[in-house]
Amino acid sequence: MSLTGHRVGRMLETTMTSMEMPAFDMGSASARLIINFLESDPKFKPSERHIGFSSTLVERETT
């Protein structure tokens, strides 16, 4: 099993089961948080946030 191995999982001779996560969305959200932090007034920094993302189990031949 791999984590976010959707591209590699399909290319192998025996296709690999993977837990697919929205890596692009996770990166975009992280970048927005960092930019907001850097652009905010030092006296009023943004508070910490918890952001959840859904993942999907993609079963292939290795299950």
PDB file of N, CA and C in Angstrom:
ATOM      1  N   MET A   1       0.848  -1.176   0.000  1.00  0.00           N
ATOM      2  CA  MET A   1       0.000   0.000   0.000  1.00  0.00           C
ATOM      3  C   MET A   1       0.888   1.231   0.000  1.00  0.00           C
ATOM      4  N   SER A   2       0.445   2.265  -0.673  1.00  0.00           N
ATOM      5  CA  SER A   2       1.195   3.520  -0.673  1.00  0.00           C
ATOM      6  C   SER A   2       0.272   4.665  -0.292  1.00  0.00           C
ATOM      7  N   LEU A   3       0.855   5.784   0.068  1.00  0.00           N
ATOM      8  CA  LEU A   3       0.093   6.969   0.419  1.00  0.00           C
ATOM      9  C   LEU A   3       0.258   7.957  -0.730  1.00  0.00           C
ATOM     10  N   THR A   4      -0.815   8.402  -1.309  1.00  0.00           N
ATOM     11  CA  THR A   4      -0.854   9.280  -2.481  1.00  0.00           C
ATOM     12  C   THR A   4      -0.078   8.689  -3.651  1.00  0.00           C
ATOM     13  N   GLY A   5      -0.109   7.380  -3.811  1.00  0.00           N
ATOM     14  CA  GLY A   5       0.633   6.723  -4.888  1.00  0.00           C
ATOM     15  C   GLY A   5      -0.207   6.483  -6.123  1.00  0.00           C
ATOM     16  N   HIS A   6      -1.142   7.367  -6.420  1.00  0.00           N
ATOM     17  CA  HIS A   6      -2.060   7.118  -7.521  1.00  0.00           C
ATOM     18  C   HIS A   6      -1.362   6.982  -8.864  1.00  0.00           C
ATOM     19  N   ARG A   7      -0.336   7.752  -9.137  1.00  0.00           N
ATOM     20  CA  ARG A   7       0.365   7.637 -10.424  1.00  0.00           C
ATOM     21  C   ARG A   7       1.217   6.379 -10.469  1.00  0.00           C
ATOM     22  N   VAL A   8       1.988   6.161  -9.432  1.00  0.00           N
ATOM     23  CA  VAL A   8       2.857   4.995  -9.392  1.00  0.00           C
ATOM     24  C   VAL A   8       2.034   3.716  -9.292  1.00  0.00           C
ATOM     25  N   GLY A   9       0.980   3.754  -8.516  1.00  0.00           N
ATOM     26  CA  GLY A   9       0.151   2.571  -8.299  1.00  0.00           C
ATOM     27  C   GLY A   9      -0.417   1.978  -9.578  1.00  0.00           C
ATOM     28  N   ARG A  10      -0.696   2.806 -10.556  1.00  0.00           N
ATOM     29  CA  ARG A  10      -1.252   2.311 -11.819  1.00  0.00           C
ATOM     30  C   ARG A  10      -0.185   1.845 -12.786  1.00  0.00           C
ATOM     31  N   MET A  11       1.070   2.266 -12.614  1.00  0.00           N
ATOM     32  CA  MET A  11       2.120   1.938 -13.567  1.00  0.00           C
ATOM     33  C   MET A  11       2.823   0.614 -13.272  1.00  0.00           C
ATOM     34  N   LEU A  12       2.681   0.103 -12.080  1.00  0.00           N
ATOM     35  CA  LEU A  12       3.366  -1.130 -11.707  1.00  0.00           C
ATOM     36  C   LEU A  12       2.709  -2.332 -12.367  1.00  0.00           C
ATOM     37  N   GLU A  13       3.483  -3.403 -12.526  1.00  0.00           N
ATOM     38  CA  GLU A  13       2.940  -4.627 -13.121  1.00  0.00           C
ATOM     39  C   GLU A  13       1.763  -5.139 -12.306  1.00  0.00           C
ATOM     40  N   THR A  14       1.933  -5.166 -10.997  1.00  0.00           N
ATOM     41  CA  THR A  14       0.832  -5.483 -10.086  1.00  0.00           C
ATOM     42  C   THR A  14       0.411  -4.148  -9.499  1.00  0.00           C
ATOM     43  N   THR A  15      -0.779  -3.687  -9.870  1.00  0.00           N
ATOM     44  CA  THR A  15      -1.201  -2.362  -9.433  1.00  0.00           C
ATOM     45  C   THR A  15      -1.335  -2.313  -7.916  1.00  0.00           C
ATOM     46  N   MET A  16      -0.885  -1.219  -7.327  1.00  0.00           N
ATOM     47  CA  MET A  16      -0.768  -1.083  -5.887  1.00  0.00           C
ATOM     48  C   MET A  16      -1.951  -0.325  -5.281  1.00  0.00           C
ATOM     49  N   THR A  17      -2.481  -0.845  -4.195  1.00  0.00           N
ATOM     50  CA  THR A  17      -3.521  -0.162  -3.431  1.00  0.00           C
ATOM     51  C   THR A  17      -2.918   1.098  -2.830  1.00  0.00           C
ATOM     52  N   SER A  18      -3.691   2.171  -2.828  1.00  0.00           N
ATOM     53  CA  SER A  18      -3.158   3.406  -2.260  1.00  0.00           C
ATOM     54  C   SER A  18      -4.240   4.169  -1.508  1.00  0.00           C
ATOM     55  N   MET A  19      -3.790   4.962  -0.568  1.00  0.00           N
ATOM     56  CA  MET A  19      -4.653   5.877   0.151  1.00  0.00           C
ATOM     57  C   MET A  19      -4.404   7.223  -0.504  1.00  0.00           C
ATOM     58  N   GLU A  20      -5.360   7.705  -1.280  1.00  0.00           N
ATOM     59  CA  GLU A  20      -5.156   8.933  -2.033  1.00  0.00           C
ATOM     60  C   GLU A  20      -5.664  10.131  -1.253  1.00  0.00           C
ATOM     61  N   MET A  21      -4.804  11.124  -1.167  1.00  0.00           N
ATOM     62  CA  MET A  21      -5.122  12.351  -0.446  1.00  0.00           C
ATOM     63  C   MET A  21      -5.045  13.509  -1.432  1.00  0.00           C
ATOM     64  N   PRO A  22      -5.795  14.578  -1.200  1.00  0.00           N
ATOM     65  CA  PRO A  22      -5.794  15.715  -2.123  1.00  0.00           C
ATOM     66  C   PRO A  22      -4.540  16.574  -1.944  1.00  0.00           C
ATOM     67  N   ALA A  23      -3.413  16.084  -2.434  1.00  0.00           N
ATOM     68  CA  ALA A  23      -2.129  16.747  -2.211  1.00  0.00           C
ATOM     69  C   ALA A  23      -2.120  18.180  -2.746  1.00  0.00           C
ATOM     70  N   PHE A  24      -2.706  18.418  -3.912  1.00  0.00           N
ATOM     71  CA  PHE A  24      -2.730  19.766  -4.482  1.00  0.00           C
ATOM     72  C   PHE A  24      -3.509  20.710  -3.575  1.00  0.00           C
ATOM     73  N   ASP A  25      -4.673  20.276  -3.126  1.00  0.00           N
ATOM     74  CA  ASP A  25      -5.497  21.108  -2.235  1.00  0.00           C
ATOM     75  C   ASP A  25      -4.782  21.369  -0.910  1.00  0.00           C
ATOM     76  N   MET A  26      -4.079  20.372  -0.402  1.00  0.00           N
ATOM     77  CA  MET A  26      -3.342  20.527   0.846  1.00  0.00           C
ATOM     78  C   MET A  26      -2.217  21.553   0.682  1.00  0.00           C
ATOM     79  N   GLY A  27      -1.517  21.482  -0.434  1.00  0.00           N
ATOM     80  CA  GLY A  27      -0.450  22.444  -0.705  1.00  0.00           C
ATOM     81  C   GLY A  27      -0.973  23.851  -0.885  1.00  0.00           C
ATOM     82  N   SER A  28      -2.099  23.980  -1.595  1.00  0.00           N
ATOM     83  CA  SER A  28      -2.706  25.302  -1.808  1.00  0.00           C
ATOM     84  C   SER A  28      -3.139  25.926  -0.490  1.00  0.00           C
ATOM     85  N   ALA A  29      -3.788  25.137   0.357  1.00  0.00           N
ATOM     86  CA  ALA A  29      -4.236  25.640   1.659  1.00  0.00           C
ATOM     87  C   ALA A  29      -3.038  26.052   2.513  1.00  0.00           C
ATOM     88  N   SER A  30      -1.985  25.256   2.476  1.00  0.00           N
ATOM     89  CA  SER A  30      -0.775  25.587   3.250  1.00  0.00           C
ATOM     90  C   SER A  30      -0.162  26.888   2.772  1.00  0.00           C
ATOM     91  N   ALA A  31      -0.083  27.054   1.458  1.00  0.00           N
ATOM     92  CA  ALA A  31       0.489  28.285   0.902  1.00  0.00           C
ATOM     93  C   ALA A  31      -0.343  29.498   1.298  1.00  0.00           C
ATOM     94  N   ARG A  32      -1.683  29.375   1.248  1.00  0.00           N
ATOM     95  CA  ARG A  32      -2.552  30.497   1.638  1.00  0.00           C
ATOM     96  C   ARG A  32      -2.339  30.863   3.107  1.00  0.00           C
ATOM     97  N   LEU A  33      -2.221  29.852   3.966  1.00  0.00           N
ATOM     98  CA  LEU A  33      -2.000  30.126   5.393  1.00  0.00           C
ATOM     99  C   LEU A  33      -0.673  30.843   5.625  1.00  0.00           C
ATOM    100  N   ILE A  34       0.360  30.406   4.935  1.00  0.00           N
ATOM    101  CA  ILE A  34       1.679  31.035   5.087  1.00  0.00           C
ATOM    102  C   ILE A  34       1.655  32.468   4.576  1.00  0.00           C
ATOM    103  N   ILE A  35       1.034  32.677   3.412  1.00  0.00           N
ATOM    104  CA  ILE A  35       0.950  34.037   2.860  1.00  0.00           C
ATOM    105  C   ILE A  35       0.165  34.949   3.799  1.00  0.00           C
ATOM    106  N   ASN A  36      -0.963  34.470   4.313  1.00  0.00           N
ATOM    107  CA  ASN A  36      -1.751  35.275   5.264  1.00  0.00           C
ATOM    108  C   ASN A  36      -0.937  35.613   6.502  1.00  0.00           C
ATOM    109  N   PHE A  37      -0.169  34.659   6.979  1.00  0.00           N
ATOM    110  CA  PHE A  37       0.668  34.886   8.162  1.00  0.00           C
ATOM    111  C   PHE A  37       1.718  35.959   7.878  1.00  0.00           C
ATOM    112  N   LEU A  38       2.394  35.838   6.727  1.00  0.00           N
ATOM    113  CA  LEU A  38       3.462  36.778   6.393  1.00  0.00           C
ATOM    114  C   LEU A  38       2.944  38.183   6.098  1.00  0.00           C
ATOM    115  N   GLU A  39       1.737  38.279   5.553  1.00  0.00           N
ATOM    116  CA  GLU A  39       1.179  39.577   5.194  1.00  0.00           C
ATOM    117  C   GLU A  39       0.409  40.240   6.333  1.00  0.00           C
ATOM    118  N   SER A  40       0.184  39.547   7.421  1.00  0.00           N
ATOM    119  CA  SER A  40      -0.603  40.117   8.515  1.00  0.00           C
ATOM    120  C   SER A  40       0.225  41.092   9.345  1.00  0.00           C
ATOM    121  N   ASP A  41      -0.479  41.962  10.014  1.00  0.00           N
ATOM    122  CA  ASP A  41       0.153  42.924  10.917  1.00  0.00           C
ATOM    123  C   ASP A  41       0.800  42.143  12.067  1.00  0.00           C
ATOM    124  N   PRO A  42       2.063  42.420  12.375  1.00  0.00           N
ATOM    125  CA  PRO A  42       2.739  41.679  13.447  1.00  0.00           C
ATOM    126  C   PRO A  42       2.011  41.734  14.794  1.00  0.00           C
ATOM    127  N   LYS A  43       1.227  42.772  15.018  1.00  0.00           N
ATOM    128  CA  LYS A  43       0.486  42.891  16.279  1.00  0.00           C
ATOM    129  C   LYS A  43      -0.750  41.998  16.301  1.00  0.00           C
ATOM    130  N   PHE A  44      -1.238  41.604  15.125  1.00  0.00           N
ATOM    131  CA  PHE A  44      -2.477  40.831  15.018  1.00  0.00           C
ATOM    132  C   PHE A  44      -2.268  39.592  14.144  1.00  0.00           C
ATOM    133  N   LYS A  45      -1.394  38.718  14.564  1.00  0.00           N
ATOM    134  CA  LYS A  45      -1.118  37.501  13.802  1.00  0.00           C
ATOM    135  C   LYS A  45      -2.335  36.583  13.795  1.00  0.00           C
ATOM    136  N   PRO A  46      -2.580  35.894  12.675  1.00  0.00           N
ATOM    137  CA  PRO A  46      -3.721  34.951  12.614  1.00  0.00           C
ATOM    138  C   PRO A  46      -3.564  33.836  13.641  1.00  0.00           C
ATOM    139  N   SER A  47      -4.680  33.350  14.144  1.00  0.00           N
ATOM    140  CA  SER A  47      -4.635  32.257  15.112  1.00  0.00           C
ATOM    141  C   SER A  47      -4.382  30.930  14.386  1.00  0.00           C
ATOM    142  N   GLU A  48      -3.976  29.931  15.148  1.00  0.00           N
ATOM    143  CA  GLU A  48      -3.745  28.607  14.576  1.00  0.00           C
ATOM    144  C   GLU A  48      -5.060  28.031  14.087  1.00  0.00           C
ATOM    145  N   ARG A  49      -4.999  27.229  13.024  1.00  0.00           N
ATOM    146  CA  ARG A  49      -6.205  26.631  12.458  1.00  0.00           C
ATOM    147  C   ARG A  49      -5.977  25.152  12.192  1.00  0.00           C
ATOM    148  N   HIS A  50      -7.045  24.412  12.273  1.00  0.00           N
ATOM    149  CA  HIS A  50      -7.027  22.992  11.918  1.00  0.00           C
ATOM    150  C   HIS A  50      -7.870  22.852  10.659  1.00  0.00           C
ATOM    151  N   ILE A  51      -7.277  22.296   9.601  1.00  0.00           N
ATOM    152  CA  ILE A  51      -7.995  22.110   8.341  1.00  0.00           C
ATOM    153  C   ILE A  51      -8.007  20.621   8.030  1.00  0.00           C
ATOM    154  N   GLY A  52      -9.174  20.066   7.788  1.00  0.00           N
ATOM    155  CA  GLY A  52      -9.306  18.643   7.485  1.00  0.00           C
ATOM    156  C   GLY A  52      -9.492  18.403   6.001  1.00  0.00           C
ATOM    157  N   PHE A  53      -8.944  17.307   5.519  1.00  0.00           N
ATOM    158  CA  PHE A  53      -9.083  16.902   4.122  1.00  0.00           C
ATOM    159  C   PHE A  53      -9.545  15.450   4.084  1.00  0.00           C
ATOM    160  N   SER A  54     -10.343  15.128   3.113  1.00  0.00           N
ATOM    161  CA  SER A  54     -10.816  13.753   2.953  1.00  0.00           C
ATOM    162  C   SER A  54      -9.811  12.938   2.147  1.00  0.00           C
ATOM    163  N   SER A  55      -9.734  11.667   2.463  1.00  0.00           N
ATOM    164  CA  SER A  55      -8.879  10.756   1.699  1.00  0.00           C
ATOM    165  C   SER A  55      -9.734   9.575   1.237  1.00  0.00           C
ATOM    166  N   THR A  56      -9.225   8.870   0.249  1.00  0.00           N
ATOM    167  CA  THR A  56      -9.959   7.757  -0.343  1.00  0.00           C
ATOM    168  C   THR A  56      -9.044   6.554  -0.476  1.00  0.00           C
ATOM    169  N   LEU A  57      -9.534   5.390  -0.066  1.00  0.00           N
ATOM    170  CA  LEU A  57      -8.792   4.149  -0.264  1.00  0.00           C
ATOM    171  C   LEU A  57      -9.125   3.625  -1.658  1.00  0.00           C
ATOM    172  N   VAL A  58      -8.088   3.479  -2.486  1.00  0.00           N
ATOM    173  CA  VAL A  58      -8.262   2.952  -3.840  1.00  0.00           C
ATOM    174  C   VAL A  58      -7.693   1.538  -3.849  1.00  0.00           C
ATOM    175  N   GLU A  59      -8.564   0.561  -3.877  1.00  0.00           N
ATOM    176  CA  GLU A  59      -8.140  -0.839  -3.842  1.00  0.00           C
ATOM    177  C   GLU A  59      -7.762  -1.304  -5.237  1.00  0.00           C
ATOM    178  N   ARG A  60      -6.587  -1.895  -5.326  1.00  0.00           N
ATOM    179  CA  ARG A  60      -6.111  -2.453  -6.586  1.00  0.00           C
ATOM    180  C   ARG A  60      -5.693  -3.900  -6.335  1.00  0.00           C
ATOM    181  N   GLU A  61      -4.826  -4.422  -7.152  1.00  0.00           N
ATOM    182  CA  GLU A  61      -4.478  -5.850  -7.074  1.00  0.00           C
ATOM    183  C   GLU A  61      -3.763  -6.261  -5.798  1.00  0.00           C
ATOM    184  N   THR A  62      -3.158  -5.352  -5.076  1.00  0.00           N
ATOM    185  CA  THR A  62      -2.401  -5.733  -3.876  1.00  0.00           C
ATOM    186  C   THR A  62      -3.280  -5.905  -2.648  1.00  0.00           C
ATOM    187  N   THR A  63      -4.591  -5.774  -2.775  1.00  0.00           N
ATOM    188  CA  THR A  63      -5.449  -5.965  -1.593  1.00  0.00           C
ATOM    189  C   THR A  63      -5.910  -7.391  -1.483  1.00  0.00           C
TER     190      THR A  63
END
